[in-house]
N, C-alpha and C. Protein backbone atom coordinates (compact mmCIF):
# COMPACT_ATOMS: atom_id res chain seq x y z
N MET A 1 145.37 44.28 106.33
CA MET A 1 145.34 43.18 105.42
C MET A 1 144.21 43.39 104.41
N ARG A 2 144.42 42.93 103.15
CA ARG A 2 143.43 43.10 102.09
C ARG A 2 142.29 42.13 102.25
N ASN A 3 141.13 42.58 101.78
CA ASN A 3 139.98 41.68 101.77
C ASN A 3 140.10 40.71 100.59
N PHE A 4 139.94 39.45 100.87
CA PHE A 4 140.02 38.43 99.83
C PHE A 4 138.60 38.11 99.37
N ASN A 5 138.34 38.26 98.07
CA ASN A 5 137.01 38.01 97.53
C ASN A 5 137.07 36.79 96.61
N ARG A 6 136.50 35.70 97.06
CA ARG A 6 136.51 34.47 96.25
C ARG A 6 135.68 34.61 94.97
N ASN A 7 134.70 35.46 94.98
CA ASN A 7 133.81 35.60 93.82
C ASN A 7 134.37 36.53 92.75
N ARG A 8 135.47 37.15 93.03
CA ARG A 8 136.06 38.05 92.05
C ARG A 8 136.56 37.23 90.86
N LYS A 9 136.23 37.67 89.65
CA LYS A 9 136.53 36.86 88.47
C LYS A 9 137.71 37.38 87.68
N PHE A 10 138.34 38.43 88.09
CA PHE A 10 139.44 39.00 87.33
C PHE A 10 140.57 37.98 87.18
N GLY A 11 140.99 37.75 85.92
CA GLY A 11 142.10 36.85 85.67
C GLY A 11 141.73 35.39 85.60
N ARG A 12 140.47 35.08 85.82
CA ARG A 12 140.06 33.68 85.72
C ARG A 12 139.58 33.37 84.31
N ARG A 13 139.57 32.11 83.94
CA ARG A 13 139.18 31.70 82.59
C ARG A 13 137.74 32.10 82.27
N ASP A 14 136.88 32.07 83.25
CA ASP A 14 135.48 32.36 82.98
C ASP A 14 135.15 33.84 83.14
N SER A 15 136.15 34.68 83.15
CA SER A 15 135.89 36.11 83.30
C SER A 15 135.67 36.73 81.93
N ARG A 16 134.46 36.64 81.46
CA ARG A 16 134.07 37.22 80.18
C ARG A 16 133.23 38.45 80.45
N PRO A 17 133.31 39.42 79.58
CA PRO A 17 132.48 40.61 79.80
C PRO A 17 131.01 40.26 79.71
N SER A 18 130.22 40.90 80.52
CA SER A 18 128.78 40.66 80.52
C SER A 18 128.11 41.74 79.70
N TYR A 19 127.27 41.34 78.78
CA TYR A 19 126.54 42.28 77.95
C TYR A 19 125.05 42.16 78.24
N GLY A 20 124.67 42.34 79.45
CA GLY A 20 123.27 42.27 79.82
C GLY A 20 122.74 40.86 79.69
N ASP A 21 121.55 40.76 79.10
CA ASP A 21 120.91 39.46 78.95
C ASP A 21 121.21 38.80 77.61
N SER A 22 122.14 39.36 76.84
CA SER A 22 122.42 38.75 75.54
C SER A 22 123.01 37.36 75.74
N LYS A 23 122.57 36.46 74.88
CA LYS A 23 123.04 35.08 74.97
C LYS A 23 124.11 34.85 73.92
N ARG A 24 125.04 34.01 74.24
CA ARG A 24 126.05 33.65 73.25
C ARG A 24 125.38 32.78 72.19
N PHE A 25 125.94 32.83 70.99
CA PHE A 25 125.38 32.03 69.92
C PHE A 25 125.79 30.58 70.09
N SER A 26 124.82 29.72 69.97
CA SER A 26 125.11 28.29 70.02
C SER A 26 124.91 27.74 68.61
N ARG A 27 125.17 26.47 68.43
CA ARG A 27 124.97 25.85 67.12
C ARG A 27 123.53 25.97 66.66
N ASP A 28 122.59 25.94 67.60
CA ASP A 28 121.19 25.95 67.24
C ASP A 28 120.63 27.35 67.05
N SER A 29 121.38 28.37 67.38
CA SER A 29 120.87 29.72 67.20
C SER A 29 121.31 30.24 65.84
N VAL A 30 120.56 31.19 65.34
CA VAL A 30 120.88 31.79 64.05
C VAL A 30 121.38 33.19 64.29
N ARG A 31 122.51 33.50 63.72
CA ARG A 31 123.08 34.84 63.87
C ARG A 31 122.25 35.82 63.06
N PRO A 32 122.15 37.04 63.52
CA PRO A 32 121.40 38.04 62.76
C PRO A 32 121.97 38.20 61.36
N GLY A 33 121.09 38.29 60.38
CA GLY A 33 121.53 38.47 59.00
C GLY A 33 121.89 37.18 58.29
N ARG A 34 121.76 36.06 58.95
CA ARG A 34 122.08 34.78 58.31
C ARG A 34 120.82 33.92 58.24
N ARG A 35 120.74 33.13 57.18
CA ARG A 35 119.58 32.25 57.03
C ARG A 35 119.91 30.88 57.60
N ASP A 36 118.91 30.27 58.18
CA ASP A 36 119.07 28.93 58.74
C ASP A 36 118.59 27.92 57.71
N PHE A 37 119.53 27.22 57.08
CA PHE A 37 119.17 26.25 56.05
C PHE A 37 118.83 24.89 56.64
N ARG A 38 118.88 24.77 57.95
CA ARG A 38 118.60 23.48 58.58
C ARG A 38 117.13 23.34 58.95
N LYS A 39 116.33 24.37 58.72
CA LYS A 39 114.92 24.32 59.09
C LYS A 39 114.20 23.27 58.26
N GLU A 40 113.12 22.79 58.81
CA GLU A 40 112.30 21.82 58.09
C GLU A 40 111.69 22.49 56.86
N VAL A 41 111.68 21.78 55.76
CA VAL A 41 111.12 22.30 54.52
C VAL A 41 109.69 21.81 54.41
N GLU A 42 108.80 22.70 54.02
CA GLU A 42 107.41 22.31 53.83
C GLU A 42 107.30 21.47 52.57
N MET A 43 106.70 20.30 52.71
CA MET A 43 106.55 19.39 51.58
C MET A 43 105.15 19.55 50.99
N HIS A 44 105.04 19.37 49.68
CA HIS A 44 103.77 19.49 48.97
C HIS A 44 103.47 18.20 48.24
N SER A 45 102.20 17.81 48.23
CA SER A 45 101.79 16.60 47.53
C SER A 45 101.78 16.85 46.03
N ALA A 46 102.18 15.82 45.29
CA ALA A 46 102.21 15.92 43.83
C ALA A 46 102.04 14.53 43.24
N THR A 47 101.82 14.49 41.94
CA THR A 47 101.73 13.23 41.21
C THR A 47 102.86 13.22 40.19
N CYS A 48 103.62 12.14 40.18
CA CYS A 48 104.75 12.01 39.25
C CYS A 48 104.23 12.02 37.82
N ASP A 49 104.81 12.87 36.98
CA ASP A 49 104.38 12.97 35.58
C ASP A 49 104.82 11.77 34.75
N LYS A 50 105.78 11.02 35.24
CA LYS A 50 106.29 9.88 34.47
C LYS A 50 105.55 8.58 34.81
N CYS A 51 105.43 8.26 36.12
CA CYS A 51 104.83 6.98 36.50
C CYS A 51 103.46 7.12 37.16
N GLY A 52 103.05 8.34 37.51
CA GLY A 52 101.74 8.56 38.11
C GLY A 52 101.66 8.30 39.60
N ALA A 53 102.78 8.01 40.24
CA ALA A 53 102.79 7.73 41.68
C ALA A 53 102.62 9.03 42.47
N ARG A 54 101.98 8.91 43.64
CA ARG A 54 101.86 10.06 44.54
C ARG A 54 103.21 10.26 45.21
N CYS A 55 103.62 11.51 45.35
CA CYS A 55 104.90 11.80 45.98
C CYS A 55 104.82 13.16 46.66
N GLU A 56 105.86 13.47 47.41
CA GLU A 56 105.96 14.78 48.06
C GLU A 56 107.22 15.46 47.56
N VAL A 57 107.09 16.76 47.29
CA VAL A 57 108.22 17.54 46.78
C VAL A 57 108.42 18.77 47.66
N PRO A 58 109.66 19.28 47.75
CA PRO A 58 109.94 20.42 48.63
C PRO A 58 109.60 21.78 48.00
N PHE A 59 108.73 21.80 47.01
CA PHE A 59 108.30 23.05 46.37
C PHE A 59 106.84 22.88 45.98
N LYS A 60 106.17 23.99 45.74
CA LYS A 60 104.76 23.94 45.35
C LYS A 60 104.70 23.82 43.83
N PRO A 61 104.22 22.69 43.31
CA PRO A 61 104.17 22.51 41.86
C PRO A 61 103.26 23.55 41.21
N SER A 62 103.74 24.14 40.13
CA SER A 62 102.96 25.18 39.45
C SER A 62 102.19 24.62 38.26
N GLY A 63 102.58 23.45 37.80
CA GLY A 63 101.94 22.87 36.63
C GLY A 63 102.65 23.20 35.33
N SER A 64 103.56 24.17 35.36
CA SER A 64 104.26 24.55 34.14
C SER A 64 105.47 23.66 33.85
N LYS A 65 105.93 22.94 34.85
CA LYS A 65 107.08 22.04 34.67
C LYS A 65 106.71 20.66 35.21
N PRO A 66 107.30 19.61 34.65
CA PRO A 66 106.99 18.26 35.13
C PRO A 66 107.53 18.03 36.54
N VAL A 67 106.82 17.16 37.27
CA VAL A 67 107.23 16.78 38.62
C VAL A 67 107.49 15.28 38.60
N TYR A 68 108.62 14.86 39.18
CA TYR A 68 108.98 13.45 39.20
C TYR A 68 109.15 12.96 40.63
N CYS A 69 108.79 11.70 40.87
CA CYS A 69 109.05 11.09 42.17
C CYS A 69 110.56 10.82 42.27
N ASN A 70 111.01 10.42 43.45
CA ASN A 70 112.45 10.17 43.64
C ASN A 70 113.00 9.12 42.67
N ASP A 71 112.25 8.04 42.50
CA ASP A 71 112.74 6.96 41.63
C ASP A 71 112.88 7.42 40.18
N CYS A 72 111.84 8.07 39.66
CA CYS A 72 111.90 8.53 38.26
C CYS A 72 112.94 9.63 38.09
N PHE A 73 113.09 10.48 39.09
CA PHE A 73 114.09 11.55 39.00
C PHE A 73 115.49 10.96 38.92
N ARG A 74 115.77 9.95 39.75
CA ARG A 74 117.10 9.31 39.73
C ARG A 74 117.35 8.60 38.41
N LYS A 75 116.33 7.92 37.91
CA LYS A 75 116.49 7.21 36.64
C LYS A 75 116.73 8.19 35.50
N GLY A 76 116.07 9.33 35.55
CA GLY A 76 116.17 10.32 34.49
C GLY A 76 117.48 11.06 34.48
N GLU A 77 118.18 11.10 35.59
CA GLU A 77 119.46 11.82 35.65
C GLU A 77 120.46 11.26 34.65
N ASN A 78 120.53 9.96 34.56
CA ASN A 78 121.52 9.33 33.69
C ASN A 78 121.07 9.30 32.24
N SER A 79 119.78 9.08 32.00
CA SER A 79 119.32 8.91 30.63
C SER A 79 119.22 10.22 29.88
N GLU A 80 119.01 11.34 30.58
CA GLU A 80 118.84 12.61 29.90
C GLU A 80 120.14 13.38 29.72
N SER A 81 121.23 12.88 30.25
CA SER A 81 122.48 13.61 30.09
C SER A 81 122.95 13.47 28.64
N LYS A 82 123.53 14.54 28.14
CA LYS A 82 123.93 14.57 26.73
C LYS A 82 125.29 13.92 26.54
N SER A 83 125.45 13.34 25.37
CA SER A 83 126.73 12.72 25.03
C SER A 83 127.68 13.82 24.56
N PRO A 84 128.98 13.54 24.55
CA PRO A 84 129.94 14.53 24.06
C PRO A 84 129.67 14.95 22.62
N ASP A 85 129.16 14.02 21.79
CA ASP A 85 128.86 14.36 20.40
C ASP A 85 127.75 15.41 20.32
N GLN A 86 126.73 15.27 21.18
CA GLN A 86 125.65 16.25 21.19
C GLN A 86 126.18 17.63 21.60
N HIS A 87 127.06 17.64 22.59
CA HIS A 87 127.65 18.91 23.02
C HIS A 87 128.48 19.53 21.90
N ASN A 88 129.26 18.71 21.22
CA ASN A 88 130.10 19.21 20.13
C ASN A 88 129.26 19.82 19.01
N LYS A 89 128.13 19.18 18.67
CA LYS A 89 127.25 19.71 17.63
C LYS A 89 126.69 21.07 18.05
N GLU A 90 126.29 21.17 19.32
CA GLU A 90 125.75 22.44 19.82
C GLU A 90 126.82 23.53 19.82
N PHE A 91 128.05 23.18 20.19
CA PHE A 91 129.14 24.16 20.17
C PHE A 91 129.43 24.62 18.75
N ASP A 92 129.38 23.69 17.79
CA ASP A 92 129.62 24.06 16.39
C ASP A 92 128.57 25.06 15.91
N ILE A 93 127.32 24.83 16.26
CA ILE A 93 126.23 25.74 15.86
C ILE A 93 126.43 27.11 16.49
N ILE A 94 126.78 27.13 17.77
CA ILE A 94 127.02 28.40 18.47
C ILE A 94 128.19 29.14 17.84
N ASN A 95 129.26 28.42 17.54
CA ASN A 95 130.44 29.05 16.93
C ASN A 95 130.13 29.63 15.56
N GLU A 96 129.31 28.93 14.77
CA GLU A 96 128.91 29.46 13.45
C GLU A 96 128.13 30.76 13.62
N LYS A 97 127.22 30.78 14.57
CA LYS A 97 126.43 31.99 14.82
C LYS A 97 127.32 33.14 15.28
N LEU A 98 128.27 32.84 16.15
CA LEU A 98 129.19 33.89 16.63
C LEU A 98 130.06 34.41 15.49
N ASP A 99 130.50 33.53 14.60
CA ASP A 99 131.29 33.95 13.45
C ASP A 99 130.49 34.91 12.56
N LYS A 100 129.20 34.60 12.34
CA LYS A 100 128.35 35.48 11.53
C LYS A 100 128.17 36.84 12.20
N ILE A 101 128.00 36.85 13.52
CA ILE A 101 127.84 38.11 14.25
C ILE A 101 129.11 38.94 14.14
N LEU A 102 130.26 38.32 14.35
CA LEU A 102 131.53 39.04 14.26
C LEU A 102 131.77 39.57 12.85
N GLU A 103 131.39 38.78 11.84
CA GLU A 103 131.54 39.21 10.45
C GLU A 103 130.64 40.41 10.17
N ALA A 104 129.42 40.38 10.69
CA ALA A 104 128.49 41.50 10.49
C ALA A 104 128.99 42.77 11.18
N LEU A 105 129.70 42.60 12.28
CA LEU A 105 130.24 43.75 13.00
C LEU A 105 131.54 44.24 12.37
N GLY A 106 132.08 43.50 11.42
CA GLY A 106 133.31 43.90 10.74
C GLY A 106 134.55 43.55 11.52
N LYS A 107 134.46 42.56 12.41
CA LYS A 107 135.63 42.15 13.19
C LYS A 107 136.10 40.79 12.70
N ASP A 108 137.41 40.66 12.60
CA ASP A 108 137.98 39.38 12.13
C ASP A 108 138.37 38.50 13.26
């Protein structure tokens, strides 16, 4: 009669190949060659250039560009967007310049 081995895993659902001590990747692990964008971002203290309030930003301010707090940044999103007329004027200027370039190159 054959020996019956209860611990034998052949054909069972949990019979996965063993690769030493390597661990399977979980949601919290990072695969080699991939960046983990869920890590905590280092925040830096800054002063809002618009209202003067102290705030924290996810980058180190260099002083060459303005820094805004959350409130001023949100308010500025809507007010600084260009109207269709402004875009059309800019496109007209670009098209005129392109026409001059093409004319100088001798292309119609």
